[in-house]
C-alpha cells in the first residue's frame, strides 16, 4: 500500500506526475479496471480494499476535498489504511495542501509521500530562468544566451506553454543550436505586451497602450483574458498601495492580497510608488465594468483602455 499526495497550482507539472504514476503502476491493458477516479467518501475504502484485476497494480484517485470529508476516527482510519493491499495506491491531488487540523488528514499524511507543484512566481526571474533551462534540457534543445533570455521573458512561469513551445522548437531545431531571430519567429512574446499595456495605462499614454492592446489581440489573446489579467494586476497594485499608506508590513499586505510569497510585495511597491490610490480604485472599477460588458456581448475594450489612460 502506498499513499501519494500531490498538490499545488502548477496543474501541468502535477498532471504529468499523475500520468507517470499511472504508467508505472497500472498495466495498460487493465487500466479501465484498475484506475478509479470518481469515488464517493462512502465507497473510497471499499475501492481501496478491492484487489487489482489482471496484471499490474491499481490506483484510486481522490481529491483533497474528498479526503477532508472523511469522518472515521484515528484508529478506524489506521486500521483501514494498513489493510489496503500492497499493490494498491491511494493518489490524492488538489490545488492546495489538505487541512491538517482534520483528524483524517493528519492520519493520512502520516502515511503519505508528499510532493508540491507550485508555479514559479511571475516576479522570480531566477526561478523562471531555472524553469526554462530545465525544460530546454528535458527537450534536448540548445539555444544561444540571447535566445534563452527571450524565452524567459516570452514564456515566464507558464509551465504548460513553456513545455509545449520548447517541444516544438526542439523538433524544428533537429539538434542544431537556435539563434534569437529563429526563436522570435516561432514563439510570441505576450508577456512584454502585457507589461507595456499595464505600464502605459498607469502612466496615461493611450496611443502606446492601444498599440500594446492590438498586439495582444493580433496574437489571439481573448479580450476576457486580457481584462482578467489587468484586473488581477491592478487589484494587487491597489491593495499594495493601500497597505503602504496604512504602513503595513510586506507580510501583512501579502496576506490581504492573498499573495503566497510576500517577497513579491517589494516589487509591487516599486511599481506603484508614484501612483495615486484614487486613480487605482477608478481603474479597477472600469476594468470590472469592462468585464461585465464583454460577458454581455458588448466589446468596449479599446474605448475603456483609452478612458483609463485619460484619468
Protein backbone atom coordinates (compact mmCIF):
# COMPACT_ATOMS: atom_id res chain seq x y z
CA UNK A 1 0.00 0.00 0.00
CA UNK A 2 1.19 3.50 -0.84
CA UNK A 3 -0.42 6.90 -0.34
CA UNK A 4 0.75 9.75 -2.61
CA UNK A 5 -0.29 13.38 -2.10
CA UNK A 6 0.35 15.81 -4.97
CA UNK A 7 -0.78 19.41 -4.62
CA UNK A 8 -0.14 22.90 -5.97
CA UNK A 9 -1.22 25.38 -8.66
CA UNK A 10 1.11 24.08 -11.38
CA UNK A 11 -1.53 21.82 -12.90
CA UNK A 12 0.61 20.93 -15.91
CA UNK A 13 3.51 19.52 -13.90
CA UNK A 14 1.15 17.84 -11.43
CA UNK A 15 -0.76 16.12 -14.25
CA UNK A 16 2.49 14.88 -15.78
CA UNK A 17 3.33 13.28 -12.43
CA UNK A 18 -0.12 11.66 -12.26
CA UNK A 19 0.34 10.25 -15.78
CA UNK A 20 3.78 8.93 -14.80
CA UNK A 21 2.37 7.16 -11.74
CA UNK A 22 -0.36 5.56 -13.84
CA UNK A 23 2.11 4.37 -16.49
CA UNK A 24 4.49 2.97 -13.86
CA UNK A 25 1.91 1.14 -11.77
CA UNK A 26 -1.02 0.13 -13.98
CA UNK A 27 -0.83 -2.34 -16.85
CA UNK A 28 -2.22 -0.56 -19.95
CA UNK A 29 -4.49 -3.49 -20.85
CA UNK A 30 -6.16 -3.28 -17.43
CA UNK A 31 -6.35 0.48 -16.93
CA UNK A 32 -10.14 0.66 -17.29
CA UNK A 33 -10.48 -1.73 -14.36
CA UNK A 34 -7.60 -0.54 -12.17
CA UNK A 35 -7.82 3.25 -12.28
CA UNK A 36 -10.69 4.64 -10.20
CA UNK A 37 -11.11 8.42 -10.07
CA UNK A 38 -14.76 9.05 -9.24
CA UNK A 39 -15.09 7.70 -5.70
CA UNK A 40 -17.50 8.95 -3.07
CA UNK A 41 -16.34 9.19 0.58
CA UNK A 42 -18.56 6.22 1.46
CA UNK A 43 -17.02 3.98 -1.23
CA UNK A 44 -13.38 5.10 -1.04
CA UNK A 45 -12.09 2.34 1.22
CA UNK A 46 -14.24 -0.31 -0.47
CA UNK A 47 -12.47 0.60 -3.71
CA UNK A 48 -9.09 0.60 -1.98
CA UNK A 49 -9.66 -2.85 -0.48
CA UNK A 50 -10.55 -4.36 -3.86
CA UNK A 51 -7.51 -6.06 -5.36
CA UNK A 52 -6.46 -5.21 -8.95
CA UNK A 53 -7.88 -7.11 -11.91
CA UNK A 54 -5.42 -8.90 -14.13
CA UNK A 55 -1.79 -7.76 -14.26
CA UNK A 56 -0.17 -4.76 -12.57
CA UNK A 57 -1.32 -2.57 -9.73
CA UNK A 58 -4.26 -0.29 -9.05
CA UNK A 59 -4.66 3.44 -8.35
CA UNK A 60 -7.59 5.01 -6.55
CA UNK A 61 -7.51 8.73 -7.31
CA UNK A 62 -9.21 11.04 -4.78
CA UNK A 63 -9.35 14.81 -4.39
CA UNK A 64 -8.08 16.76 -1.40
CA UNK A 65 -11.67 17.86 -0.79
CA UNK A 66 -12.84 14.24 -0.57
CA UNK A 67 -10.13 13.34 1.95
CA UNK A 68 -11.14 16.29 4.11
CA UNK A 69 -14.70 14.92 4.38
CA UNK A 70 -13.75 11.51 5.80
CA UNK A 71 -15.30 11.07 9.23
CA UNK A 72 -13.59 7.96 10.59
CA UNK A 73 -11.75 8.07 13.89
CA UNK A 74 -7.96 7.90 14.04
CA UNK A 75 -8.00 4.22 15.00
CA UNK A 76 -10.53 3.29 12.31
CA UNK A 77 -8.52 5.06 9.63
CA UNK A 78 -5.23 3.48 10.68
CA UNK A 79 -6.80 0.02 10.62
CA UNK A 80 -8.29 0.59 7.18
CA UNK A 81 -5.11 2.08 5.72
CA UNK A 82 -2.98 -0.79 6.99
CA UNK A 83 -5.41 -3.28 5.43
CA UNK A 84 -5.08 -1.83 1.90
CA UNK A 85 -3.41 -4.38 -0.44
CA UNK A 86 0.25 -3.80 -1.21
CA UNK A 87 -0.24 -3.18 -4.93
CA UNK A 88 -2.98 -0.55 -4.48
CA UNK A 89 -2.11 3.19 -4.38
CA UNK A 90 -4.25 5.94 -2.92
CA UNK A 91 -3.45 9.02 -5.04
CA UNK A 92 -4.64 12.36 -3.64
CA UNK A 93 -4.45 15.58 -5.69
CA UNK A 94 -5.54 19.18 -5.24
CA UNK A 95 -4.52 22.78 -5.75
CA UNK A 96 -3.61 23.16 -2.09
CA UNK A 97 -2.49 21.01 0.83
CA UNK A 98 -5.37 19.45 2.80
CA UNK A 99 -6.47 20.98 6.08
CA UNK A 100 -4.10 19.40 8.62
CA UNK A 101 -6.45 20.24 11.51
CA UNK A 102 -8.81 17.44 10.42
CA UNK A 103 -8.26 14.02 12.02
CA UNK A 104 -8.49 12.09 8.74
CA UNK A 105 -5.96 14.37 7.07
CA UNK A 106 -3.47 14.04 9.94
CA UNK A 107 -3.62 10.25 9.80
CA UNK A 108 -3.34 10.05 6.02
CA UNK A 109 -0.39 12.47 5.90
CA UNK A 110 1.47 10.24 8.36
CA UNK A 111 1.45 7.53 5.68
CA UNK A 112 1.81 9.72 2.58
CA UNK A 113 4.61 10.60 0.21
CA UNK A 114 4.07 14.31 -0.44
CA UNK A 115 5.13 16.39 -3.44
CA UNK A 116 4.31 20.05 -4.06
CA UNK A 117 3.82 21.54 -7.54
CA UNK A 118 3.63 25.32 -7.45
CA UNK A 119 4.18 27.76 -10.29
CA UNK A 120 7.30 29.89 -10.10
CA UNK A 121 6.18 33.42 -9.06
CA UNK A 122 5.98 35.68 -12.12
CA UNK A 123 8.41 38.13 -10.50
CA UNK A 124 11.02 35.48 -9.64
CA UNK A 125 13.43 35.91 -12.57
CA UNK A 126 15.93 33.38 -11.21
CA UNK A 127 13.19 30.80 -10.76
CA UNK A 128 11.91 31.39 -14.30
CA UNK A 129 15.43 31.06 -15.71
CA UNK A 130 15.85 27.74 -13.88
CA UNK A 131 12.45 26.57 -15.18
CA UNK A 132 13.24 27.39 -18.83
CA UNK A 133 16.75 25.93 -18.53
CA UNK A 134 15.35 22.72 -17.05
CA UNK A 135 12.80 22.38 -19.85
CA UNK A 136 15.33 23.06 -22.61
CA UNK A 137 17.43 20.27 -21.12
CA UNK A 138 14.38 17.99 -20.98
CA UNK A 139 13.71 18.53 -24.69
CA UNK A 140 17.42 18.41 -25.62
CA UNK A 141 17.14 21.91 -27.06
CA UNK A 142 20.15 24.18 -27.47
CA UNK A 143 19.71 27.97 -27.84
CA UNK A 144 22.02 30.97 -27.68
CA UNK A 145 22.12 33.09 -24.49
CA UNK A 146 20.11 35.87 -26.20
CA UNK A 147 17.50 33.35 -27.30
CA UNK A 148 17.34 31.95 -23.77
CA UNK A 149 16.75 35.45 -22.37
CA UNK A 150 13.95 35.95 -24.88
CA UNK A 151 12.32 32.64 -23.94
CA UNK A 152 12.42 33.54 -20.25
CA UNK A 153 10.64 36.80 -20.99
CA UNK A 154 8.18 35.36 -23.51
CA UNK A 155 7.17 32.23 -21.59
CA UNK A 156 7.50 33.40 -18.00
CA UNK A 157 6.14 30.99 -15.40
CA UNK A 158 3.59 29.35 -17.72
CA UNK A 159 4.83 25.77 -17.37
CA UNK A 160 2.31 24.28 -19.78
CA UNK A 161 3.05 26.76 -22.56
CA UNK A 162 6.81 26.58 -21.97
CA UNK A 163 6.78 22.78 -22.18
CA UNK A 164 4.73 22.87 -25.40
CA UNK A 165 6.69 25.66 -27.11
CA UNK A 166 10.09 24.18 -26.27
CA UNK A 167 8.99 20.76 -27.53
CA UNK A 168 8.05 22.38 -30.87
CA UNK A 169 11.35 24.28 -31.00
CA UNK A 170 13.27 21.05 -30.40
CA UNK A 171 11.53 19.40 -33.37
CA UNK A 172 12.29 22.44 -35.54
CA UNK A 173 15.91 22.64 -34.38
CA UNK A 174 16.59 18.94 -35.06
CA UNK A 175 19.77 19.07 -32.97
CA UNK A 176 21.17 22.45 -34.04
CA UNK A 177 21.53 25.49 -31.77
CA UNK A 178 18.83 28.11 -32.38
CA UNK A 179 19.57 31.81 -32.70
CA UNK A 180 17.42 34.64 -31.30
CA UNK A 181 15.79 35.56 -34.63
CA UNK A 182 14.70 31.96 -35.22
CA UNK A 183 13.15 31.69 -31.76
CA UNK A 184 11.35 35.03 -32.12
CA UNK A 185 9.67 33.86 -35.33
CA UNK A 186 8.32 30.75 -33.64
CA UNK A 187 7.46 31.93 -30.09
CA UNK A 188 5.34 35.03 -29.49
CA UNK A 189 6.02 37.26 -26.50
CA UNK A 190 2.72 38.35 -24.98
CA UNK A 191 4.27 38.99 -21.57
CA UNK A 192 6.10 42.05 -22.88
CA UNK A 193 2.85 43.32 -24.39
CA UNK A 194 1.05 42.93 -21.04
CA UNK A 195 3.92 44.71 -19.30
CA UNK A 196 3.75 47.58 -21.76
CA UNK A 197 -0.04 47.76 -21.59
CA UNK A 198 -0.31 47.93 -17.81
CA UNK A 199 2.53 50.49 -17.61
CA UNK A 200 1.04 52.75 -20.27
CA UNK A 201 -2.41 52.54 -18.66
CA UNK A 202 -0.96 53.59 -15.30
CA UNK A 203 1.11 56.40 -16.80
CA UNK A 204 -1.65 57.65 -19.07
CA UNK A 205 -0.30 57.07 -22.60
CA UNK A 206 -3.36 55.99 -24.65
CA UNK A 207 -1.68 55.67 -28.07
CA UNK A 208 1.07 53.33 -26.83
CA UNK A 209 -1.44 51.42 -24.67
CA UNK A 210 -3.65 50.75 -27.70
CA UNK A 211 -0.61 49.57 -29.68
CA UNK A 212 0.14 47.05 -26.93
CA UNK A 213 -3.53 46.02 -26.76
CA UNK A 214 -3.65 45.46 -30.53
CA UNK A 215 -0.54 43.27 -30.35
CA UNK A 216 -2.27 41.08 -27.76
CA UNK A 217 -5.45 40.89 -29.84
CA UNK A 218 -3.45 40.14 -33.00
CA UNK A 219 -1.78 37.24 -31.19
CA UNK A 220 -5.26 35.85 -30.42
CA UNK A 221 -5.39 36.73 -26.73
CA UNK A 222 -9.11 36.65 -25.80
CA UNK A 223 -10.46 40.05 -24.62
CA UNK A 224 -11.84 38.45 -21.44
CA UNK A 225 -8.41 37.03 -20.62
CA UNK A 226 -6.82 40.46 -21.21
CA UNK A 227 -9.29 42.13 -18.87
CA UNK A 228 -8.94 39.38 -16.24
CA UNK A 229 -5.14 39.72 -16.31
CA UNK A 230 -5.30 43.51 -16.00
CA UNK A 231 -7.87 43.26 -13.20
CA UNK A 232 -5.58 40.95 -11.24
CA UNK A 233 -2.61 43.31 -11.75
CA UNK A 234 -4.48 46.46 -10.70
CA UNK A 235 -6.10 44.68 -7.75
CA UNK A 236 -2.65 43.77 -6.40
CA UNK A 237 -1.44 47.31 -7.05
CA UNK A 238 -4.42 48.83 -5.22
CA UNK A 239 -4.08 46.58 -2.19
CA UNK A 240 -0.34 47.22 -2.06
CA UNK A 241 -0.79 51.00 -2.31
CA UNK A 242 -3.44 50.95 0.42
CA UNK A 243 -1.16 48.82 2.58
CA UNK A 244 1.77 51.15 2.06
CA UNK A 245 -0.31 54.17 3.04
CA UNK A 246 -1.53 52.28 6.12
CA UNK A 247 2.12 51.48 6.97
CA UNK A 248 1.54 47.72 6.85
CA UNK A 249 4.44 45.29 6.52
CA UNK A 250 5.01 43.32 3.31
CA UNK A 251 3.79 40.18 5.07
CA UNK A 252 0.55 41.89 6.11
CA UNK A 253 -0.03 43.23 2.60
CA UNK A 254 0.62 39.79 1.12
CA UNK A 255 -1.95 38.23 3.46
CA UNK A 256 -4.63 40.77 2.47
CA UNK A 257 -3.86 40.43 -1.24
CA UNK A 258 -3.67 36.62 -0.97
CA UNK A 259 -0.13 36.65 -2.36
CA UNK A 260 1.56 33.37 -1.45
CA UNK A 261 5.09 34.79 -1.36
CA UNK A 262 5.36 38.11 0.45
CA UNK A 263 8.62 38.95 -1.38
CA UNK A 264 6.50 39.89 -4.41
CA UNK A 265 5.22 42.90 -2.46
CA UNK A 266 8.67 44.54 -2.69
CA UNK A 267 8.35 44.66 -6.48
CA UNK A 268 4.73 45.82 -6.32
CA UNK A 269 5.73 48.70 -4.01
CA UNK A 270 8.25 49.91 -6.60
CA UNK A 271 5.78 49.64 -9.47
CA UNK A 272 3.14 51.85 -7.80
CA UNK A 273 5.50 54.18 -5.97
CA UNK A 274 4.12 57.29 -7.72
CA UNK A 275 0.55 56.08 -8.32
CA UNK A 276 -2.44 57.67 -6.58
CA UNK A 277 -4.74 55.35 -4.70
CA UNK A 278 -7.89 57.04 -6.03
CA UNK A 279 -6.73 56.51 -9.61
CA UNK A 280 -6.08 52.82 -8.94
CA UNK A 281 -9.60 52.48 -7.49
CA UNK A 282 -11.18 54.10 -10.54
CA UNK A 283 -9.15 51.95 -12.94
CA UNK A 284 -10.19 48.78 -11.15
CA UNK A 285 -13.86 49.78 -11.28
CA UNK A 286 -13.63 50.43 -15.03
CA UNK A 287 -11.96 47.06 -15.60
CA UNK A 288 -14.71 45.27 -13.64
CA UNK A 289 -17.32 47.15 -15.71
CA UNK A 290 -15.50 46.17 -18.91
CA UNK A 291 -15.55 42.50 -17.91
CA UNK A 292 -19.31 42.69 -17.31
CA UNK A 293 -19.80 44.32 -20.71
CA UNK A 294 -17.74 41.66 -22.50
CA UNK A 295 -19.70 38.87 -20.82
CA UNK A 296 -22.89 40.61 -22.04
CA UNK A 297 -21.60 40.68 -25.63
CA UNK A 298 -20.55 44.35 -25.62
CA UNK A 299 -16.92 44.86 -26.70
CA UNK A 300 -15.86 48.28 -25.40
CA UNK A 301 -12.35 47.11 -24.52
CA UNK A 302 -10.45 49.63 -26.66
CA UNK A 303 -12.52 52.61 -25.56
CA UNK A 304 -12.27 51.56 -21.91
CA UNK A 305 -8.46 51.36 -22.15
CA UNK A 306 -8.43 54.89 -23.60
CA UNK A 307 -10.76 56.05 -20.79
CA UNK A 308 -8.38 54.60 -18.19
CA UNK A 309 -5.40 56.30 -19.82
CA UNK A 310 -7.11 59.69 -19.63
CA UNK A 311 -8.00 59.54 -15.95
